[in-house]
Amino acid sequence: MRVIVVGTAVLLATAIASAETAYVTDNLRLGMHQTQDTSDRAFRTLDSGQQIEILNRDRNYAHVQLPDGVQGYVKAAYLVFEKPAKLIVAETLAKVEELEQELARTKEAFAVPGATIASLEQQLAQSREELDLLNASAADLNASNENYKNRHDQFKYSLPIAWVGGAMALCLLAGFLAGHWWIDYKSRKRHGGIRLY
């Protein structure tokens, strides 16, 4: 009895240790049978991409177990060990849909900051335009200032013509008045204080 229990445990451990994951190939509906040679009527139909666990197999048939624990036999030729394209496409589409939802959530989350950024960029563009105008005005003022400095350096020892003309007219008037006074003074002194003219 002990030998039977140990033998059964070893066989069970070997079956569990040799279990592999496989998939039903693309575009196929595979029948699952009770008998090993699949000569009986299929009690379950497996769609392409169905994940199954191979408990043991020979060249033609495989003893398999479904994720829900149901066991049976299928033709081994229809099993593949890489995910079929149908399953990969379905997983990829699910991932794409998940990413699109995440993108929509991200766009929604950044809608208000995006509007703020757009407004700030517009203000920045206006500020740059104003700065360009101020720089152009400053350049004009610097050029005018430089022109005035050059003119100042050129004429720093000269006087305006109006001042020179005014001073000359004043000197002539003063000379005329001084000459007139001097002549009057000398004439009166010569004639005893009497004006003769």
N, C-alpha and C. Protein backbone atom coordinates (compact mmCIF):
# COMPACT_ATOMS: atom_id res chain seq x y z
N MET A 1 0.82 -1.19 0.00
CA MET A 1 0.00 0.00 0.00
C MET A 1 0.87 1.26 0.00
N ARG A 2 1.89 1.21 0.82
CA ARG A 2 2.79 2.36 0.90
C ARG A 2 3.47 2.61 -0.44
N VAL A 3 3.83 1.55 -1.12
CA VAL A 3 4.50 1.65 -2.41
C VAL A 3 3.55 2.29 -3.44
N ILE A 4 2.27 1.95 -3.37
CA ILE A 4 1.28 2.50 -4.31
C ILE A 4 1.12 4.00 -4.06
N VAL A 5 1.05 4.40 -2.79
CA VAL A 5 0.89 5.81 -2.45
C VAL A 5 2.11 6.59 -2.92
N VAL A 6 3.30 6.07 -2.66
CA VAL A 6 4.53 6.75 -3.07
C VAL A 6 4.60 6.82 -4.59
N GLY A 7 4.24 5.75 -5.27
CA GLY A 7 4.26 5.72 -6.74
C GLY A 7 3.27 6.73 -7.32
N THR A 8 2.09 6.80 -6.72
CA THR A 8 1.09 7.76 -7.18
C THR A 8 1.58 9.18 -6.97
N ALA A 9 2.20 9.44 -5.83
CA ALA A 9 2.72 10.78 -5.52
C ALA A 9 3.81 11.15 -6.52
N VAL A 10 4.69 10.18 -6.85
CA VAL A 10 5.76 10.45 -7.81
C VAL A 10 5.18 10.75 -9.18
N LEU A 11 4.19 9.94 -9.62
CA LEU A 11 3.55 10.18 -10.92
C LEU A 11 2.85 11.53 -10.96
N LEU A 12 2.17 11.89 -9.87
CA LEU A 12 1.47 13.17 -9.79
C LEU A 12 2.47 14.32 -9.81
N ALA A 13 3.57 14.18 -9.05
CA ALA A 13 4.60 15.22 -9.03
C ALA A 13 5.24 15.36 -10.41
N THR A 14 5.46 14.24 -11.10
CA THR A 14 6.03 14.29 -12.45
C THR A 14 5.07 14.98 -13.41
N ALA A 15 3.79 14.68 -13.29
CA ALA A 15 2.78 15.30 -14.17
C ALA A 15 2.70 16.79 -13.92
N ILE A 16 2.76 17.19 -12.64
CA ILE A 16 2.69 18.61 -12.30
C ILE A 16 3.96 19.32 -12.75
N ALA A 17 5.12 18.66 -12.56
CA ALA A 17 6.39 19.26 -12.92
C ALA A 17 6.51 19.42 -14.44
N SER A 18 5.91 18.51 -15.19
CA SER A 18 6.03 18.59 -16.65
C SER A 18 4.91 19.40 -17.30
N ALA A 19 4.07 20.04 -16.51
CA ALA A 19 2.96 20.82 -17.06
C ALA A 19 3.51 22.03 -17.81
N GLU A 20 2.99 22.25 -19.04
CA GLU A 20 3.39 23.37 -19.87
C GLU A 20 2.14 24.15 -20.25
N THR A 21 2.31 25.43 -20.51
CA THR A 21 1.20 26.25 -20.98
C THR A 21 1.24 26.27 -22.49
N ALA A 22 0.07 26.06 -23.12
CA ALA A 22 -0.05 26.08 -24.58
C ALA A 22 -1.31 26.82 -24.95
N TYR A 23 -1.52 27.08 -26.25
CA TYR A 23 -2.68 27.81 -26.75
C TYR A 23 -3.23 27.07 -27.96
N VAL A 24 -4.53 27.17 -28.16
CA VAL A 24 -5.15 26.64 -29.37
C VAL A 24 -4.81 27.60 -30.49
N THR A 25 -4.39 27.07 -31.66
CA THR A 25 -3.90 27.91 -32.76
C THR A 25 -5.00 28.82 -33.31
N ASP A 26 -4.58 29.73 -34.21
CA ASP A 26 -5.48 30.72 -34.82
C ASP A 26 -6.59 30.08 -35.63
N ASN A 27 -7.74 30.78 -35.66
CA ASN A 27 -8.86 30.45 -36.53
C ASN A 27 -9.26 28.97 -36.47
N LEU A 28 -9.52 28.52 -35.28
CA LEU A 28 -9.86 27.10 -35.12
C LEU A 28 -10.81 26.94 -33.95
N ARG A 29 -11.69 25.92 -34.07
CA ARG A 29 -12.51 25.51 -32.94
C ARG A 29 -12.16 24.04 -32.71
N LEU A 30 -11.51 23.79 -31.60
CA LEU A 30 -10.96 22.46 -31.30
C LEU A 30 -11.86 21.75 -30.31
N GLY A 31 -12.20 20.49 -30.64
CA GLY A 31 -13.04 19.69 -29.74
C GLY A 31 -12.23 19.08 -28.61
N MET A 32 -12.81 19.08 -27.41
CA MET A 32 -12.17 18.47 -26.23
C MET A 32 -12.95 17.19 -25.92
N HIS A 33 -12.20 16.07 -25.77
CA HIS A 33 -12.83 14.75 -25.64
C HIS A 33 -12.49 14.11 -24.31
N GLN A 34 -13.31 13.09 -23.98
CA GLN A 34 -13.08 12.31 -22.76
C GLN A 34 -12.04 11.22 -23.00
N THR A 35 -12.03 10.65 -24.20
CA THR A 35 -11.12 9.54 -24.49
C THR A 35 -9.82 10.07 -25.06
N GLN A 36 -8.77 9.29 -24.85
CA GLN A 36 -7.43 9.73 -25.25
C GLN A 36 -7.29 9.81 -26.76
N ASP A 37 -7.94 8.92 -27.52
CA ASP A 37 -7.79 8.95 -28.98
C ASP A 37 -8.80 9.88 -29.65
N THR A 38 -9.57 10.62 -28.87
CA THR A 38 -10.58 11.59 -29.33
C THR A 38 -11.59 10.97 -30.28
N SER A 39 -11.87 9.65 -30.07
CA SER A 39 -12.84 8.97 -30.93
C SER A 39 -14.28 9.22 -30.48
N ASP A 40 -14.45 9.68 -29.26
CA ASP A 40 -15.80 9.97 -28.78
C ASP A 40 -16.23 11.36 -29.23
N ARG A 41 -17.44 11.68 -28.92
CA ARG A 41 -17.97 13.00 -29.27
C ARG A 41 -17.37 14.06 -28.32
N ALA A 42 -16.97 15.23 -28.86
CA ALA A 42 -16.37 16.30 -28.04
C ALA A 42 -17.40 16.83 -27.06
N PHE A 43 -17.01 16.96 -25.81
CA PHE A 43 -17.93 17.50 -24.79
C PHE A 43 -17.75 19.01 -24.60
N ARG A 44 -16.69 19.55 -25.22
CA ARG A 44 -16.46 20.99 -25.11
C ARG A 44 -15.70 21.46 -26.36
N THR A 45 -16.00 22.67 -26.80
CA THR A 45 -15.32 23.25 -27.96
C THR A 45 -14.44 24.40 -27.48
N LEU A 46 -13.18 24.34 -27.90
CA LEU A 46 -12.21 25.36 -27.49
C LEU A 46 -11.95 26.30 -28.67
N ASP A 47 -12.04 27.58 -28.40
CA ASP A 47 -11.79 28.57 -29.45
C ASP A 47 -10.30 28.83 -29.60
N SER A 48 -9.95 29.37 -30.75
CA SER A 48 -8.57 29.75 -31.02
C SER A 48 -8.11 30.76 -29.97
N GLY A 49 -6.92 30.54 -29.44
CA GLY A 49 -6.38 31.43 -28.42
C GLY A 49 -6.69 30.98 -27.01
N GLN A 50 -7.48 29.93 -26.83
CA GLN A 50 -7.81 29.43 -25.49
C GLN A 50 -6.55 28.92 -24.81
N GLN A 51 -6.30 29.38 -23.60
CA GLN A 51 -5.12 28.95 -22.86
C GLN A 51 -5.45 27.63 -22.18
N ILE A 52 -4.55 26.67 -22.31
CA ILE A 52 -4.72 25.36 -21.66
C ILE A 52 -3.38 24.92 -21.08
N GLU A 53 -3.46 23.98 -20.16
CA GLU A 53 -2.24 23.44 -19.55
C GLU A 53 -2.11 21.99 -19.99
N ILE A 54 -0.95 21.67 -20.56
CA ILE A 54 -0.70 20.29 -21.01
C ILE A 54 -0.21 19.47 -19.82
N LEU A 55 -0.97 18.44 -19.48
CA LEU A 55 -0.56 17.57 -18.36
C LEU A 55 0.40 16.51 -18.86
N ASN A 56 0.10 15.90 -20.02
CA ASN A 56 1.04 15.01 -20.72
C ASN A 56 0.60 14.91 -22.16
N ARG A 57 1.52 14.46 -23.02
CA ARG A 57 1.19 14.38 -24.44
C ARG A 57 2.04 13.34 -25.13
N ASP A 58 1.52 12.83 -26.23
CA ASP A 58 2.31 11.99 -27.11
C ASP A 58 2.33 12.66 -28.47
N ARG A 59 2.68 11.91 -29.51
CA ARG A 59 2.82 12.52 -30.82
C ARG A 59 1.50 13.05 -31.37
N ASN A 60 0.39 12.39 -31.10
CA ASN A 60 -0.89 12.75 -31.70
C ASN A 60 -1.86 13.45 -30.75
N TYR A 61 -1.85 13.11 -29.47
CA TYR A 61 -2.86 13.61 -28.55
C TYR A 61 -2.21 14.20 -27.30
N ALA A 62 -2.97 15.10 -26.65
CA ALA A 62 -2.46 15.72 -25.42
C ALA A 62 -3.56 15.71 -24.37
N HIS A 63 -3.18 15.37 -23.16
CA HIS A 63 -4.10 15.43 -22.01
C HIS A 63 -3.95 16.84 -21.43
N VAL A 64 -5.05 17.60 -21.41
CA VAL A 64 -4.96 19.01 -21.05
C VAL A 64 -5.93 19.35 -19.93
N GLN A 65 -5.66 20.51 -19.31
CA GLN A 65 -6.55 21.04 -18.27
C GLN A 65 -6.80 22.51 -18.56
N LEU A 66 -8.07 22.90 -18.48
CA LEU A 66 -8.46 24.29 -18.69
C LEU A 66 -8.26 25.10 -17.41
N PRO A 67 -8.25 26.40 -17.51
CA PRO A 67 -8.10 27.23 -16.31
C PRO A 67 -9.18 26.98 -15.26
N ASP A 68 -10.37 26.53 -15.70
CA ASP A 68 -11.44 26.25 -14.72
C ASP A 68 -11.33 24.86 -14.12
N GLY A 69 -10.26 24.07 -14.47
CA GLY A 69 -10.01 22.77 -13.87
C GLY A 69 -10.52 21.59 -14.67
N VAL A 70 -11.30 21.80 -15.74
CA VAL A 70 -11.82 20.71 -16.56
C VAL A 70 -10.68 20.08 -17.34
N GLN A 71 -10.62 18.73 -17.34
CA GLN A 71 -9.58 18.00 -18.05
C GLN A 71 -10.18 17.22 -19.21
N GLY A 72 -9.36 16.99 -20.25
CA GLY A 72 -9.79 16.23 -21.40
C GLY A 72 -8.64 16.04 -22.36
N TYR A 73 -8.98 15.49 -23.55
CA TYR A 73 -7.96 15.20 -24.55
C TYR A 73 -8.24 16.00 -25.82
N VAL A 74 -7.16 16.49 -26.45
CA VAL A 74 -7.27 17.21 -27.71
C VAL A 74 -6.17 16.70 -28.64
N LYS A 75 -6.32 16.99 -29.95
CA LYS A 75 -5.29 16.62 -30.91
C LYS A 75 -4.09 17.55 -30.72
N ALA A 76 -2.91 16.99 -30.54
CA ALA A 76 -1.70 17.75 -30.22
C ALA A 76 -1.24 18.63 -31.38
N ALA A 77 -1.61 18.27 -32.59
CA ALA A 77 -1.16 19.03 -33.76
C ALA A 77 -1.71 20.45 -33.76
N TYR A 78 -2.80 20.69 -33.04
CA TYR A 78 -3.43 22.02 -33.04
C TYR A 78 -3.00 22.89 -31.87
N LEU A 79 -2.00 22.45 -31.15
CA LEU A 79 -1.51 23.23 -30.01
C LEU A 79 -0.20 23.92 -30.40
N VAL A 80 -0.07 25.16 -29.97
CA VAL A 80 1.16 25.91 -30.19
C VAL A 80 1.62 26.47 -28.85
N PHE A 81 2.91 26.79 -28.76
CA PHE A 81 3.47 27.26 -27.49
C PHE A 81 3.73 28.76 -27.47
N GLU A 82 3.44 29.40 -28.57
CA GLU A 82 3.49 30.86 -28.61
C GLU A 82 2.07 31.37 -28.72
N LYS A 83 1.84 32.54 -28.16
CA LYS A 83 0.49 33.10 -28.25
C LYS A 83 0.12 33.29 -29.70
N PRO A 84 -1.07 32.85 -30.11
CA PRO A 84 -1.49 33.06 -31.49
C PRO A 84 -1.77 34.53 -31.78
N ALA A 85 -1.71 34.87 -33.07
CA ALA A 85 -1.89 36.27 -33.49
C ALA A 85 -3.21 36.83 -32.99
N LYS A 86 -4.26 36.03 -32.99
CA LYS A 86 -5.58 36.51 -32.55
C LYS A 86 -5.51 37.02 -31.12
N LEU A 87 -4.82 36.27 -30.27
CA LEU A 87 -4.69 36.66 -28.85
C LEU A 87 -3.79 37.88 -28.71
N ILE A 88 -2.70 37.90 -29.48
CA ILE A 88 -1.78 39.05 -29.42
C ILE A 88 -2.50 40.31 -29.88
N VAL A 89 -3.28 40.18 -30.97
CA VAL A 89 -4.03 41.34 -31.47
C VAL A 89 -5.03 41.81 -30.44
N ALA A 90 -5.75 40.87 -29.81
CA ALA A 90 -6.75 41.25 -28.80
C ALA A 90 -6.07 41.96 -27.62
N GLU A 91 -4.93 41.42 -27.17
CA GLU A 91 -4.21 42.05 -26.05
C GLU A 91 -3.69 43.43 -26.46
N THR A 92 -3.18 43.52 -27.71
CA THR A 92 -2.67 44.81 -28.20
C THR A 92 -3.79 45.83 -28.30
N LEU A 93 -4.96 45.40 -28.81
CA LEU A 93 -6.10 46.32 -28.90
C LEU A 93 -6.55 46.78 -27.52
N ALA A 94 -6.55 45.84 -26.57
CA ALA A 94 -6.92 46.21 -25.20
C ALA A 94 -5.93 47.22 -24.63
N LYS A 95 -4.63 47.00 -24.92
CA LYS A 95 -3.60 47.92 -24.43
C LYS A 95 -3.77 49.29 -25.10
N VAL A 96 -4.06 49.27 -26.42
CA VAL A 96 -4.27 50.53 -27.14
C VAL A 96 -5.46 51.28 -26.56
N GLU A 97 -6.53 50.56 -26.29
CA GLU A 97 -7.71 51.21 -25.71
C GLU A 97 -7.40 51.80 -24.34
N GLU A 98 -6.63 51.05 -23.56
CA GLU A 98 -6.23 51.55 -22.23
C GLU A 98 -5.37 52.80 -22.35
N LEU A 99 -4.44 52.78 -23.32
CA LEU A 99 -3.58 53.95 -23.53
C LEU A 99 -4.38 55.15 -24.04
N GLU A 100 -5.37 54.89 -24.91
CA GLU A 100 -6.22 55.99 -25.40
C GLU A 100 -7.02 56.61 -24.25
N GLN A 101 -7.51 55.76 -23.36
CA GLN A 101 -8.24 56.29 -22.19
C GLN A 101 -7.30 57.11 -21.31
N GLU A 102 -6.10 56.60 -21.12
CA GLU A 102 -5.12 57.33 -20.31
C GLU A 102 -4.76 58.66 -20.97
N LEU A 103 -4.63 58.64 -22.32
CA LEU A 103 -4.34 59.87 -23.04
C LEU A 103 -5.47 60.87 -22.89
N ALA A 104 -6.72 60.38 -22.99
CA ALA A 104 -7.88 61.26 -22.83
C ALA A 104 -7.89 61.86 -21.43
N ARG A 105 -7.59 61.03 -20.42
CA ARG A 105 -7.54 61.55 -19.03
C ARG A 105 -6.43 62.59 -18.89
N THR A 106 -5.28 62.30 -19.51
CA THR A 106 -4.15 63.23 -19.43
C THR A 106 -4.48 64.55 -20.12
N LYS A 107 -5.12 64.45 -21.31
CA LYS A 107 -5.51 65.68 -22.02
C LYS A 107 -6.48 66.48 -21.17
N GLU A 108 -7.43 65.79 -20.55
CA GLU A 108 -8.41 66.48 -19.71
C GLU A 108 -7.72 67.13 -18.52
N ALA A 109 -6.75 66.41 -17.94
CA ALA A 109 -6.05 66.96 -16.78
C ALA A 109 -5.22 68.18 -17.15
N PHE A 110 -4.70 68.20 -18.41
CA PHE A 110 -3.84 69.31 -18.82
C PHE A 110 -4.59 70.36 -19.62
N ALA A 111 -5.91 70.26 -19.72
CA ALA A 111 -6.68 71.24 -20.51
C ALA A 111 -6.56 72.63 -19.90
N VAL A 112 -6.79 72.73 -18.58
CA VAL A 112 -6.73 74.04 -17.92
C VAL A 112 -5.29 74.57 -17.91
N PRO A 113 -4.30 73.76 -17.48
CA PRO A 113 -2.93 74.26 -17.55
C PRO A 113 -2.51 74.59 -18.98
N GLY A 114 -3.02 73.81 -19.96
CA GLY A 114 -2.69 74.09 -21.35
C GLY A 114 -3.20 75.45 -21.78
N ALA A 115 -4.43 75.79 -21.36
CA ALA A 115 -4.99 77.11 -21.70
C ALA A 115 -4.17 78.20 -21.02
N THR A 116 -3.77 77.95 -19.77
CA THR A 116 -2.94 78.92 -19.05
C THR A 116 -1.59 79.10 -19.76
N ILE A 117 -1.01 77.98 -20.19
CA ILE A 117 0.28 78.05 -20.90
C ILE A 117 0.12 78.83 -22.19
N ALA A 118 -0.97 78.57 -22.93
CA ALA A 118 -1.20 79.30 -24.19
C ALA A 118 -1.34 80.80 -23.93
N SER A 119 -2.08 81.14 -22.85
CA SER A 119 -2.25 82.55 -22.50
C SER A 119 -0.91 83.18 -22.13
N LEU A 120 -0.12 82.47 -21.35
CA LEU A 120 1.19 82.99 -20.94
C LEU A 120 2.13 83.13 -22.15
N GLU A 121 2.04 82.17 -23.09
CA GLU A 121 2.87 82.27 -24.29
C GLU A 121 2.46 83.49 -25.11
N GLN A 122 1.15 83.77 -25.18
CA GLN A 122 0.68 84.95 -25.91
C GLN A 122 1.17 86.23 -25.23
N GLN A 123 1.08 86.26 -23.89
CA GLN A 123 1.58 87.43 -23.16
C GLN A 123 3.08 87.59 -23.37
N LEU A 124 3.80 86.47 -23.38
CA LEU A 124 5.24 86.52 -23.60
C LEU A 124 5.55 87.08 -24.99
N ALA A 125 4.78 86.65 -26.00
CA ALA A 125 4.99 87.15 -27.36
C ALA A 125 4.74 88.66 -27.41
N GLN A 126 3.65 89.12 -26.74
CA GLN A 126 3.37 90.56 -26.70
C GLN A 126 4.47 91.32 -25.98
N SER A 127 4.95 90.75 -24.88
CA SER A 127 6.03 91.41 -24.12
C SER A 127 7.30 91.50 -24.96
N ARG A 128 7.56 90.45 -25.75
CA ARG A 128 8.75 90.48 -26.61
C ARG A 128 8.60 91.56 -27.69
N GLU A 129 7.38 91.69 -28.25
CA GLU A 129 7.16 92.74 -29.25
C GLU A 129 7.37 94.12 -28.62
N GLU A 130 6.82 94.31 -27.40
CA GLU A 130 6.99 95.59 -26.72
C GLU A 130 8.46 95.85 -26.42
N LEU A 131 9.17 94.80 -26.00
CA LEU A 131 10.60 94.93 -25.71
C LEU A 131 11.37 95.29 -26.97
N ASP A 132 11.00 94.68 -28.11
CA ASP A 132 11.67 95.01 -29.37
C ASP A 132 11.44 96.48 -29.72
N LEU A 133 10.18 96.96 -29.51
CA LEU A 133 9.89 98.38 -29.79
C LEU A 133 10.69 99.29 -28.86
N LEU A 134 10.76 98.93 -27.58
CA LEU A 134 11.53 99.73 -26.62
C LEU A 134 13.02 99.72 -26.97
N ASN A 135 13.53 98.56 -27.40
CA ASN A 135 14.94 98.49 -27.79
C ASN A 135 15.21 99.36 -29.01
N ALA A 136 14.26 99.33 -29.98
CA ALA A 136 14.43 100.18 -31.17
C ALA A 136 14.41 101.65 -30.78
N SER A 137 13.47 102.02 -29.87
CA SER A 137 13.39 103.41 -29.40
C SER A 137 14.66 103.80 -28.66
N ALA A 138 15.17 102.90 -27.82
CA ALA A 138 16.40 103.18 -27.08
C ALA A 138 17.58 103.34 -28.04
N ALA A 139 17.59 102.52 -29.11
CA ALA A 139 18.67 102.65 -30.11
C ALA A 139 18.58 104.01 -30.80
N ASP A 140 17.35 104.46 -31.13
CA ASP A 140 17.18 105.79 -31.74
C ASP A 140 17.65 106.89 -30.80
N LEU A 141 17.26 106.77 -29.52
CA LEU A 141 17.67 107.78 -28.53
C LEU A 141 19.19 107.79 -28.35
N ASN A 142 19.80 106.61 -28.34
CA ASN A 142 21.26 106.54 -28.22
C ASN A 142 21.94 107.20 -29.42
N ALA A 143 21.36 106.95 -30.62
CA ALA A 143 21.93 107.57 -31.83
C ALA A 143 21.80 109.09 -31.76
N SER A 144 20.62 109.58 -31.32
CA SER A 144 20.42 111.03 -31.18
C SER A 144 21.37 111.61 -30.15
N ASN A 145 21.52 110.91 -29.04
CA ASN A 145 22.42 111.35 -27.97
C ASN A 145 23.86 111.43 -28.48
N GLU A 146 24.25 110.42 -29.26
CA GLU A 146 25.59 110.40 -29.82
C GLU A 146 25.78 111.57 -30.78
N ASN A 147 24.74 111.86 -31.56
CA ASN A 147 24.78 112.99 -32.49
C ASN A 147 24.95 114.30 -31.72
N TYR A 148 24.18 114.46 -30.62
CA TYR A 148 24.30 115.67 -29.80
C TYR A 148 25.68 115.78 -29.16
N LYS A 149 26.24 114.66 -28.74
CA LYS A 149 27.58 114.69 -28.16
C LYS A 149 28.60 115.15 -29.20
N ASN A 150 28.47 114.60 -30.41
CA ASN A 150 29.40 114.99 -31.48
C ASN A 150 29.27 116.49 -31.78
N ARG A 151 28.05 116.98 -31.87
CA ARG A 151 27.84 118.41 -32.12
C ARG A 151 28.37 119.24 -30.97
N HIS A 152 28.18 118.76 -29.74
CA HIS A 152 28.70 119.49 -28.59
C HIS A 152 30.21 119.56 -28.63
N ASP A 153 30.84 118.41 -28.97
CA ASP A 153 32.30 118.42 -29.07
C ASP A 153 32.78 119.36 -30.17
N GLN A 154 32.01 119.42 -31.26
CA GLN A 154 32.40 120.26 -32.38
C GLN A 154 32.25 121.75 -32.06
N PHE A 155 31.18 122.10 -31.34
CA PHE A 155 30.89 123.52 -31.09
C PHE A 155 31.06 123.93 -29.63
N LYS A 156 31.83 123.17 -28.84
CA LYS A 156 31.87 123.48 -27.41
C LYS A 156 32.56 124.82 -27.10
N TYR A 157 33.46 125.30 -27.98
CA TYR A 157 34.12 126.58 -27.72
C TYR A 157 33.51 127.73 -28.52
N SER A 158 32.42 127.50 -29.18
CA SER A 158 31.77 128.57 -29.95
C SER A 158 30.50 129.03 -29.26
N LEU A 159 30.12 130.27 -29.58
CA LEU A 159 28.91 130.83 -28.99
C LEU A 159 27.84 130.93 -30.07
N PRO A 160 26.60 130.90 -29.67
CA PRO A 160 25.54 131.04 -30.66
C PRO A 160 25.59 132.41 -31.33
N ILE A 161 25.23 132.45 -32.61
CA ILE A 161 25.31 133.70 -33.38
C ILE A 161 24.42 134.78 -32.79
N ALA A 162 23.31 134.42 -32.20
CA ALA A 162 22.42 135.41 -31.59
C ALA A 162 23.11 136.10 -30.41
N TRP A 163 23.88 135.29 -29.64
CA TRP A 163 24.59 135.90 -28.51
C TRP A 163 25.68 136.84 -29.00
N VAL A 164 26.41 136.37 -30.00
CA VAL A 164 27.51 137.20 -30.53
C VAL A 164 26.94 138.48 -31.12
N GLY A 165 25.85 138.35 -31.92
CA GLY A 165 25.23 139.55 -32.51
C GLY A 165 24.69 140.49 -31.46
N GLY A 166 24.06 139.96 -30.43
CA GLY A 166 23.52 140.77 -29.34
C GLY A 166 24.64 141.50 -28.60
N ALA A 167 25.75 140.76 -28.36
CA ALA A 167 26.89 141.38 -27.66
C ALA A 167 27.50 142.49 -28.50
N MET A 168 27.60 142.26 -29.81
CA MET A 168 28.15 143.30 -30.69
C MET A 168 27.25 144.53 -30.72
N ALA A 169 25.94 144.30 -30.81
CA ALA A 169 25.00 145.42 -30.83
C ALA A 169 25.08 146.19 -29.53
N LEU A 170 25.19 145.48 -28.43
CA LEU A 170 25.28 146.11 -27.12
C LEU A 170 26.57 146.93 -27.02
N CYS A 171 27.66 146.34 -27.51
CA CYS A 171 28.95 147.06 -27.48
C CYS A 171 28.89 148.33 -28.35
N LEU A 172 28.27 148.20 -29.54
CA LEU A 172 28.13 149.37 -30.40
C LEU A 172 27.30 150.45 -29.73
N LEU A 173 26.18 150.06 -29.13
CA LEU A 173 25.31 151.01 -28.44
C LEU A 173 26.06 151.66 -27.27
N ALA A 174 26.76 150.79 -26.50
CA ALA A 174 27.51 151.32 -25.36
C ALA A 174 28.61 152.26 -25.84
N GLY A 175 29.28 151.88 -26.93
CA GLY A 175 30.34 152.75 -27.48
C GLY A 175 29.78 154.07 -27.98
N PHE A 176 28.63 153.98 -28.68
CA PHE A 176 27.99 155.19 -29.17
C PHE A 176 27.60 156.10 -28.02
N LEU A 177 26.97 155.54 -27.00
CA LEU A 177 26.54 156.33 -25.85
C LEU A 177 27.75 156.90 -25.09
N ALA A 178 28.77 156.08 -24.95
CA ALA A 178 29.97 156.56 -24.24
C ALA A 178 30.66 157.68 -25.04
N GLY A 179 30.70 157.49 -26.37
CA GLY A 179 31.29 158.53 -27.22
C GLY A 179 30.48 159.82 -27.17
N HIS A 180 29.15 159.67 -27.22
CA HIS A 180 28.28 160.83 -27.14
C HIS A 180 28.48 161.53 -25.79
N TRP A 181 28.55 160.83 -24.70
CA TRP A 181 28.76 161.43 -23.37
C TRP A 181 30.11 162.12 -23.32
N TRP A 182 31.12 161.47 -23.87
CA TRP A 182 32.47 162.02 -23.82
C TRP A 182 32.55 163.34 -24.62
N ILE A 183 31.95 163.33 -25.76
CA ILE A 183 31.95 164.55 -26.58
C ILE A 183 31.18 165.66 -25.85
N ASP A 184 30.06 165.30 -25.27
CA ASP A 184 29.25 166.28 -24.54
C ASP A 184 30.04 166.82 -23.35
N TYR A 185 30.73 165.96 -22.66
CA TYR A 185 31.50 166.34 -21.48
C TYR A 185 32.63 167.31 -21.89
N LYS A 186 33.35 166.98 -22.93
CA LYS A 186 34.46 167.81 -23.35
C LYS A 186 33.96 169.17 -23.88
N SER A 187 32.85 169.12 -24.58
CA SER A 187 32.29 170.36 -25.13
C SER A 187 31.86 171.29 -24.00
N ARG A 188 31.23 170.78 -23.00
CA ARG A 188 30.79 171.63 -21.89
C ARG A 188 31.98 172.13 -21.08
N LYS A 189 32.96 171.33 -20.97
CA LYS A 189 34.14 171.75 -20.20
C LYS A 189 34.86 172.88 -20.95
N ARG A 190 34.90 172.83 -22.22
CA ARG A 190 35.55 173.84 -23.01
C ARG A 190 34.77 175.17 -23.03
N HIS A 191 33.52 175.05 -22.98
CA HIS A 191 32.68 176.23 -23.10
C HIS A 191 32.05 176.66 -21.77
N GLY A 192 32.56 176.26 -20.73
CA GLY A 192 32.13 176.72 -19.43
C GLY A 192 30.83 176.07 -18.99
N GLY A 193 30.61 174.86 -19.34
CA GLY A 193 29.44 174.12 -18.90
C GLY A 193 28.24 174.31 -19.80
N ILE A 194 28.40 175.02 -20.94
CA ILE A 194 27.27 175.24 -21.84
C ILE A 194 27.35 174.24 -22.98
N ARG A 195 26.19 173.70 -23.30
CA ARG A 195 26.11 172.73 -24.42
C ARG A 195 25.95 173.49 -25.72
N LEU A 196 26.78 173.21 -26.71
CA LEU A 196 26.73 173.95 -27.97
C LEU A 196 26.45 172.98 -29.11
N TYR A 197 25.43 172.59 -29.33
CA TYR A 197 25.11 171.79 -30.53
C TYR A 197 23.64 171.75 -30.75
